[in-house]
Amino acid sequence: MATTRKSLLAWSLLLVLALPGPTFGEKKHEPYALIFGTVYGPDHVPVRGVKIRIARMNGKEASKTWQHVSDGRGEFAQRVPAGTADYLVWAEIKPPKGQPISNRPEVRVHVENDERQDIGLHLTR
């Protein structure tokens, strides 16, 4: 009798482990494109801590924007919806007091589908 119970318990445990578990919290992964960039200083060395803005362009105006700060390697990344779209990426830099912004580094990015676009933003003095 005891071996029958043990055998039944072993088979039940094996059945439970063999069946796939519940899928609570699983999300369907949507396709996406990736804009990956590096910010370089005037000396061509990656710069950390630079504020980055990314805007999806619809005609001449931006419809959605994202903000980032470049990491220790001067890098940033943003997932954007897959599909054909144009984006404008720029660095928000503050000039020294009393001086106008002479050159705001910006890059236009065109995405066709679920692809990765690598860009570089070059800061000037």
N, C-alpha and C. Protein backbone atom coordinates (compact mmCIF):
# COMPACT_ATOMS: atom_id res chain seq x y z
N MET A 1 0.81 -1.19 0.00
CA MET A 1 0.00 0.00 0.00
C MET A 1 0.86 1.27 0.00
N ALA A 2 1.94 1.26 0.80
CA ALA A 2 2.83 2.42 0.89
C ALA A 2 3.57 2.64 -0.42
N THR A 3 3.97 1.54 -1.07
CA THR A 3 4.67 1.70 -2.35
C THR A 3 3.72 2.20 -3.42
N THR A 4 2.44 1.86 -3.35
CA THR A 4 1.46 2.35 -4.32
C THR A 4 1.29 3.85 -4.16
N ARG A 5 1.22 4.32 -2.92
CA ARG A 5 1.09 5.76 -2.67
C ARG A 5 2.33 6.50 -3.16
N LYS A 6 3.49 5.95 -2.86
CA LYS A 6 4.74 6.59 -3.29
C LYS A 6 4.82 6.62 -4.81
N SER A 7 4.41 5.53 -5.43
CA SER A 7 4.42 5.46 -6.88
C SER A 7 3.45 6.47 -7.48
N LEU A 8 2.26 6.57 -6.91
CA LEU A 8 1.26 7.52 -7.38
C LEU A 8 1.75 8.95 -7.18
N LEU A 9 2.37 9.22 -6.05
CA LEU A 9 2.91 10.56 -5.78
C LEU A 9 4.04 10.90 -6.75
N ALA A 10 4.89 9.93 -7.03
CA ALA A 10 5.99 10.16 -7.97
C ALA A 10 5.46 10.46 -9.37
N TRP A 11 4.48 9.70 -9.83
CA TRP A 11 3.89 9.94 -11.15
C TRP A 11 3.18 11.29 -11.20
N SER A 12 2.50 11.67 -10.13
CA SER A 12 1.82 12.98 -10.09
C SER A 12 2.83 14.11 -10.17
N LEU A 13 3.92 13.97 -9.41
CA LEU A 13 4.97 14.98 -9.43
C LEU A 13 5.60 15.09 -10.81
N LEU A 14 5.85 13.96 -11.44
CA LEU A 14 6.43 13.96 -12.78
C LEU A 14 5.49 14.61 -13.78
N LEU A 15 4.19 14.36 -13.66
CA LEU A 15 3.20 14.95 -14.55
C LEU A 15 3.16 16.47 -14.38
N VAL A 16 3.20 16.92 -13.13
CA VAL A 16 3.16 18.36 -12.86
C VAL A 16 4.40 19.04 -13.42
N LEU A 17 5.55 18.43 -13.27
CA LEU A 17 6.79 19.03 -13.78
C LEU A 17 6.87 18.99 -15.30
N ALA A 18 6.24 18.03 -15.93
CA ALA A 18 6.32 17.89 -17.38
C ALA A 18 5.38 18.85 -18.10
N LEU A 19 4.29 19.22 -17.45
CA LEU A 19 3.33 20.12 -18.11
C LEU A 19 3.85 21.56 -18.08
N PRO A 20 3.57 22.33 -19.13
CA PRO A 20 4.00 23.73 -19.11
C PRO A 20 3.23 24.49 -18.04
N GLY A 21 3.91 25.42 -17.41
CA GLY A 21 3.29 26.20 -16.34
C GLY A 21 2.37 27.27 -16.88
N PRO A 22 1.67 27.93 -15.99
CA PRO A 22 0.77 29.00 -16.43
C PRO A 22 1.58 30.16 -17.01
N THR A 23 0.96 30.90 -17.87
CA THR A 23 1.65 31.99 -18.56
C THR A 23 1.22 33.33 -17.99
N PHE A 24 1.10 33.42 -16.67
CA PHE A 24 0.73 34.69 -16.06
C PHE A 24 1.83 35.71 -16.29
N GLY A 25 1.44 36.89 -16.69
CA GLY A 25 2.40 37.97 -16.86
C GLY A 25 3.22 37.92 -18.13
N GLU A 26 3.04 36.90 -18.95
CA GLU A 26 3.79 36.86 -20.21
C GLU A 26 3.23 37.91 -21.15
N LYS A 27 4.11 38.64 -21.77
CA LYS A 27 3.69 39.66 -22.71
C LYS A 27 4.09 39.24 -24.11
N LYS A 28 3.26 39.57 -25.05
CA LYS A 28 3.61 39.34 -26.45
C LYS A 28 4.62 40.41 -26.84
N HIS A 29 5.74 39.97 -27.38
CA HIS A 29 6.79 40.91 -27.76
C HIS A 29 6.48 41.51 -29.12
N GLU A 30 6.32 42.81 -29.13
CA GLU A 30 6.07 43.53 -30.38
C GLU A 30 7.41 43.80 -31.05
N PRO A 31 7.45 43.78 -32.36
CA PRO A 31 8.70 44.12 -33.05
C PRO A 31 9.05 45.59 -32.81
N TYR A 32 10.32 45.89 -32.81
CA TYR A 32 10.77 47.26 -32.59
C TYR A 32 12.04 47.51 -33.37
N ALA A 33 12.31 48.79 -33.57
CA ALA A 33 13.59 49.23 -34.14
C ALA A 33 14.39 49.83 -33.00
N LEU A 34 15.69 49.95 -33.19
CA LEU A 34 16.56 50.48 -32.14
C LEU A 34 17.42 51.59 -32.70
N ILE A 35 17.38 52.73 -32.02
CA ILE A 35 18.30 53.83 -32.35
C ILE A 35 19.37 53.79 -31.27
N PHE A 36 20.61 53.54 -31.69
CA PHE A 36 21.74 53.41 -30.77
C PHE A 36 22.74 54.47 -31.13
N GLY A 37 23.17 55.25 -30.16
CA GLY A 37 24.09 56.33 -30.48
C GLY A 37 25.21 56.50 -29.48
N THR A 38 26.23 57.22 -29.91
CA THR A 38 27.35 57.57 -29.06
C THR A 38 27.60 59.07 -29.20
N VAL A 39 27.84 59.74 -28.07
CA VAL A 39 28.14 61.17 -28.06
C VAL A 39 29.65 61.32 -27.95
N TYR A 40 30.22 62.09 -28.87
CA TYR A 40 31.67 62.33 -28.89
C TYR A 40 31.93 63.81 -28.63
N GLY A 41 32.99 64.08 -27.88
CA GLY A 41 33.41 65.45 -27.61
C GLY A 41 34.25 66.00 -28.74
N PRO A 42 34.70 67.26 -28.61
CA PRO A 42 35.53 67.87 -29.65
C PRO A 42 36.84 67.12 -29.90
N ASP A 43 37.30 66.38 -28.88
CA ASP A 43 38.54 65.62 -29.02
C ASP A 43 38.28 64.18 -29.48
N HIS A 44 37.07 63.89 -29.93
CA HIS A 44 36.66 62.59 -30.47
C HIS A 44 36.67 61.48 -29.42
N VAL A 45 36.50 61.86 -28.16
CA VAL A 45 36.41 60.90 -27.05
C VAL A 45 34.95 60.85 -26.60
N PRO A 46 34.40 59.67 -26.32
CA PRO A 46 33.01 59.58 -25.85
C PRO A 46 32.78 60.41 -24.59
N VAL A 47 31.61 61.06 -24.52
CA VAL A 47 31.29 61.95 -23.41
C VAL A 47 30.08 61.41 -22.65
N ARG A 48 30.21 61.34 -21.32
CA ARG A 48 29.10 60.88 -20.49
C ARG A 48 28.30 62.07 -19.97
N GLY A 49 27.05 61.81 -19.61
CA GLY A 49 26.23 62.82 -18.96
C GLY A 49 25.62 63.86 -19.87
N VAL A 50 25.60 63.63 -21.18
CA VAL A 50 25.01 64.59 -22.11
C VAL A 50 23.53 64.25 -22.28
N LYS A 51 22.67 65.26 -22.16
CA LYS A 51 21.23 65.06 -22.34
C LYS A 51 20.93 64.89 -23.82
N ILE A 52 20.18 63.82 -24.13
CA ILE A 52 19.83 63.50 -25.51
C ILE A 52 18.32 63.56 -25.66
N ARG A 53 17.86 64.09 -26.77
CA ARG A 53 16.42 64.09 -27.09
C ARG A 53 16.24 63.37 -28.42
N ILE A 54 15.18 62.58 -28.49
CA ILE A 54 14.82 61.87 -29.72
C ILE A 54 13.36 62.18 -29.99
N ALA A 55 13.06 62.63 -31.21
CA ALA A 55 11.69 62.99 -31.56
C ALA A 55 11.29 62.28 -32.85
N ARG A 56 10.10 61.70 -32.84
CA ARG A 56 9.55 61.11 -34.07
C ARG A 56 8.94 62.24 -34.88
N MET A 57 9.31 62.33 -36.13
CA MET A 57 8.88 63.44 -36.97
C MET A 57 7.69 63.03 -37.84
N ASN A 58 6.64 63.80 -37.76
CA ASN A 58 5.49 63.66 -38.65
C ASN A 58 5.41 64.94 -39.45
N GLY A 59 5.92 64.90 -40.66
CA GLY A 59 6.00 66.13 -41.44
C GLY A 59 7.09 67.01 -40.86
N LYS A 60 6.69 68.22 -40.42
CA LYS A 60 7.67 69.16 -39.86
C LYS A 60 7.61 69.24 -38.35
N GLU A 61 6.66 68.54 -37.72
CA GLU A 61 6.55 68.64 -36.27
C GLU A 61 6.77 67.28 -35.61
N ALA A 62 7.18 67.33 -34.36
CA ALA A 62 7.45 66.11 -33.60
C ALA A 62 6.17 65.63 -32.93
N SER A 63 5.93 64.31 -33.01
CA SER A 63 4.73 63.76 -32.38
C SER A 63 5.02 63.08 -31.06
N LYS A 64 6.18 62.47 -30.91
CA LYS A 64 6.54 61.76 -29.68
C LYS A 64 8.00 62.02 -29.43
N THR A 65 8.36 62.27 -28.17
CA THR A 65 9.76 62.52 -27.84
C THR A 65 10.20 61.64 -26.67
N TRP A 66 11.48 61.34 -26.65
CA TRP A 66 12.11 60.59 -25.57
C TRP A 66 13.33 61.37 -25.10
N GLN A 67 13.71 61.17 -23.84
CA GLN A 67 14.89 61.81 -23.28
C GLN A 67 15.83 60.75 -22.73
N HIS A 68 17.12 60.99 -22.87
CA HIS A 68 18.14 60.09 -22.36
C HIS A 68 19.32 60.92 -21.88
N VAL A 69 20.22 60.25 -21.16
CA VAL A 69 21.50 60.83 -20.78
C VAL A 69 22.56 59.81 -21.17
N SER A 70 23.60 60.26 -21.85
CA SER A 70 24.64 59.33 -22.29
C SER A 70 25.32 58.69 -21.07
N ASP A 71 25.64 57.40 -21.20
CA ASP A 71 26.22 56.66 -20.08
C ASP A 71 27.74 56.87 -20.02
N GLY A 72 28.42 56.07 -19.23
CA GLY A 72 29.86 56.21 -19.04
C GLY A 72 30.67 56.00 -20.31
N ARG A 73 30.10 55.32 -21.30
CA ARG A 73 30.79 55.13 -22.58
C ARG A 73 30.29 56.12 -23.63
N GLY A 74 29.47 57.08 -23.19
CA GLY A 74 28.92 58.07 -24.12
C GLY A 74 27.76 57.53 -24.93
N GLU A 75 27.19 56.40 -24.54
CA GLU A 75 26.17 55.72 -25.36
C GLU A 75 24.76 55.92 -24.81
N PHE A 76 23.80 55.77 -25.70
CA PHE A 76 22.39 55.79 -25.36
C PHE A 76 21.66 54.91 -26.37
N ALA A 77 20.47 54.44 -26.01
CA ALA A 77 19.69 53.60 -26.92
C ALA A 77 18.21 53.83 -26.66
N GLN A 78 17.42 53.76 -27.71
CA GLN A 78 15.97 53.92 -27.59
C GLN A 78 15.27 52.95 -28.53
N ARG A 79 14.35 52.16 -27.97
CA ARG A 79 13.48 51.33 -28.80
C ARG A 79 12.38 52.22 -29.36
N VAL A 80 12.12 52.08 -30.64
CA VAL A 80 11.04 52.82 -31.29
C VAL A 80 10.18 51.81 -32.05
N PRO A 81 8.93 52.15 -32.33
CA PRO A 81 8.07 51.19 -33.04
C PRO A 81 8.65 50.81 -34.40
N ALA A 82 8.49 49.54 -34.75
CA ALA A 82 8.94 49.07 -36.07
C ALA A 82 8.06 49.70 -37.14
N GLY A 83 8.62 49.89 -38.30
CA GLY A 83 7.88 50.49 -39.41
C GLY A 83 8.64 51.68 -39.96
N THR A 84 8.12 52.25 -41.01
CA THR A 84 8.77 53.38 -41.66
C THR A 84 8.51 54.66 -40.87
N ALA A 85 9.57 55.31 -40.45
CA ALA A 85 9.45 56.56 -39.70
C ALA A 85 10.77 57.32 -39.73
N ASP A 86 10.67 58.62 -39.49
CA ASP A 86 11.84 59.48 -39.40
C ASP A 86 11.94 60.04 -37.99
N TYR A 87 13.18 60.13 -37.50
CA TYR A 87 13.43 60.63 -36.15
C TYR A 87 14.51 61.69 -36.21
N LEU A 88 14.46 62.61 -35.26
CA LEU A 88 15.49 63.62 -35.10
C LEU A 88 16.11 63.40 -33.73
N VAL A 89 17.42 63.26 -33.68
CA VAL A 89 18.15 63.04 -32.43
C VAL A 89 19.10 64.21 -32.25
N TRP A 90 19.08 64.83 -31.05
CA TRP A 90 19.98 65.95 -30.81
C TRP A 90 20.45 65.95 -29.36
N ALA A 91 21.56 66.65 -29.14
CA ALA A 91 22.11 66.81 -27.79
C ALA A 91 21.67 68.16 -27.27
N GLU A 92 21.19 68.17 -26.04
CA GLU A 92 20.83 69.43 -25.39
C GLU A 92 22.04 69.93 -24.64
N ILE A 93 22.69 70.91 -25.22
CA ILE A 93 23.90 71.45 -24.59
C ILE A 93 23.65 72.88 -24.16
N LYS A 94 24.28 73.26 -23.07
CA LYS A 94 24.15 74.63 -22.57
C LYS A 94 25.46 75.36 -22.89
N PRO A 95 25.36 76.45 -23.63
CA PRO A 95 26.58 77.21 -23.92
C PRO A 95 27.02 77.99 -22.68
N PRO A 96 28.27 78.44 -22.67
CA PRO A 96 28.72 79.29 -21.57
C PRO A 96 27.84 80.54 -21.49
N LYS A 97 27.72 81.11 -20.30
CA LYS A 97 26.86 82.29 -20.11
C LYS A 97 27.23 83.41 -21.08
N GLY A 98 26.21 83.97 -21.64
CA GLY A 98 26.41 85.10 -22.53
C GLY A 98 26.73 84.73 -23.97
N GLN A 99 26.83 83.45 -24.27
CA GLN A 99 27.13 83.04 -25.64
C GLN A 99 25.95 82.26 -26.22
N PRO A 100 25.59 82.53 -27.46
CA PRO A 100 24.51 81.76 -28.08
C PRO A 100 24.98 80.36 -28.45
N ILE A 101 24.03 79.47 -28.66
CA ILE A 101 24.38 78.12 -29.12
C ILE A 101 24.83 78.24 -30.56
N SER A 102 26.09 77.87 -30.81
CA SER A 102 26.63 78.02 -32.16
C SER A 102 26.29 76.81 -33.03
N ASN A 103 26.27 75.63 -32.42
CA ASN A 103 26.05 74.44 -33.22
C ASN A 103 25.40 73.37 -32.34
N ARG A 104 24.12 73.12 -32.56
CA ARG A 104 23.45 72.06 -31.82
C ARG A 104 23.59 70.78 -32.64
N PRO A 105 24.36 69.82 -32.14
CA PRO A 105 24.55 68.59 -32.92
C PRO A 105 23.24 67.82 -33.01
N GLU A 106 22.86 67.49 -34.25
CA GLU A 106 21.64 66.72 -34.47
C GLU A 106 21.84 65.77 -35.64
N VAL A 107 21.11 64.66 -35.59
CA VAL A 107 21.20 63.65 -36.64
C VAL A 107 19.78 63.23 -36.99
N ARG A 108 19.50 63.13 -38.27
CA ARG A 108 18.21 62.61 -38.74
C ARG A 108 18.37 61.12 -38.98
N VAL A 109 17.41 60.34 -38.50
CA VAL A 109 17.47 58.89 -38.60
C VAL A 109 16.21 58.42 -39.31
N HIS A 110 16.39 57.56 -40.32
CA HIS A 110 15.26 56.96 -41.03
C HIS A 110 15.22 55.47 -40.71
N VAL A 111 14.07 55.01 -40.25
CA VAL A 111 13.89 53.60 -39.91
C VAL A 111 12.87 53.01 -40.86
N GLU A 112 13.17 51.84 -41.42
CA GLU A 112 12.27 51.17 -42.35
C GLU A 112 11.44 50.07 -41.69
N ASN A 113 12.02 49.34 -40.75
CA ASN A 113 11.31 48.21 -40.16
C ASN A 113 11.89 47.94 -38.78
N ASP A 114 12.04 46.68 -38.42
CA ASP A 114 12.61 46.34 -37.11
C ASP A 114 14.13 46.18 -37.27
N GLU A 115 14.81 47.31 -37.30
CA GLU A 115 16.24 47.33 -37.56
C GLU A 115 16.95 48.17 -36.51
N ARG A 116 18.26 48.12 -36.52
CA ARG A 116 19.07 48.94 -35.62
C ARG A 116 19.78 50.00 -36.45
N GLN A 117 19.70 51.23 -35.99
CA GLN A 117 20.41 52.34 -36.63
C GLN A 117 21.43 52.87 -35.64
N ASP A 118 22.71 52.86 -36.02
CA ASP A 118 23.78 53.38 -35.17
C ASP A 118 24.15 54.78 -35.64
N ILE A 119 24.24 55.71 -34.68
CA ILE A 119 24.56 57.09 -35.03
C ILE A 119 25.63 57.62 -34.07
N GLY A 120 26.22 58.73 -34.45
CA GLY A 120 27.16 59.45 -33.59
C GLY A 120 26.80 60.92 -33.55
N LEU A 121 26.82 61.50 -32.36
CA LEU A 121 26.62 62.94 -32.18
C LEU A 121 27.96 63.54 -31.79
N HIS A 122 28.42 64.51 -32.57
CA HIS A 122 29.74 65.10 -32.34
C HIS A 122 29.58 66.53 -31.82
N LEU A 123 30.03 66.75 -30.59
CA LEU A 123 29.97 68.07 -29.98
C LEU A 123 31.15 68.90 -30.45
N THR A 124 30.90 70.18 -30.66
CA THR A 124 31.97 71.10 -31.05
C THR A 124 32.08 72.21 -30.03
N ARG A 125 33.16 72.92 -30.07
CA ARG A 125 33.36 74.04 -29.13
C ARG A 125 32.79 75.30 -29.65
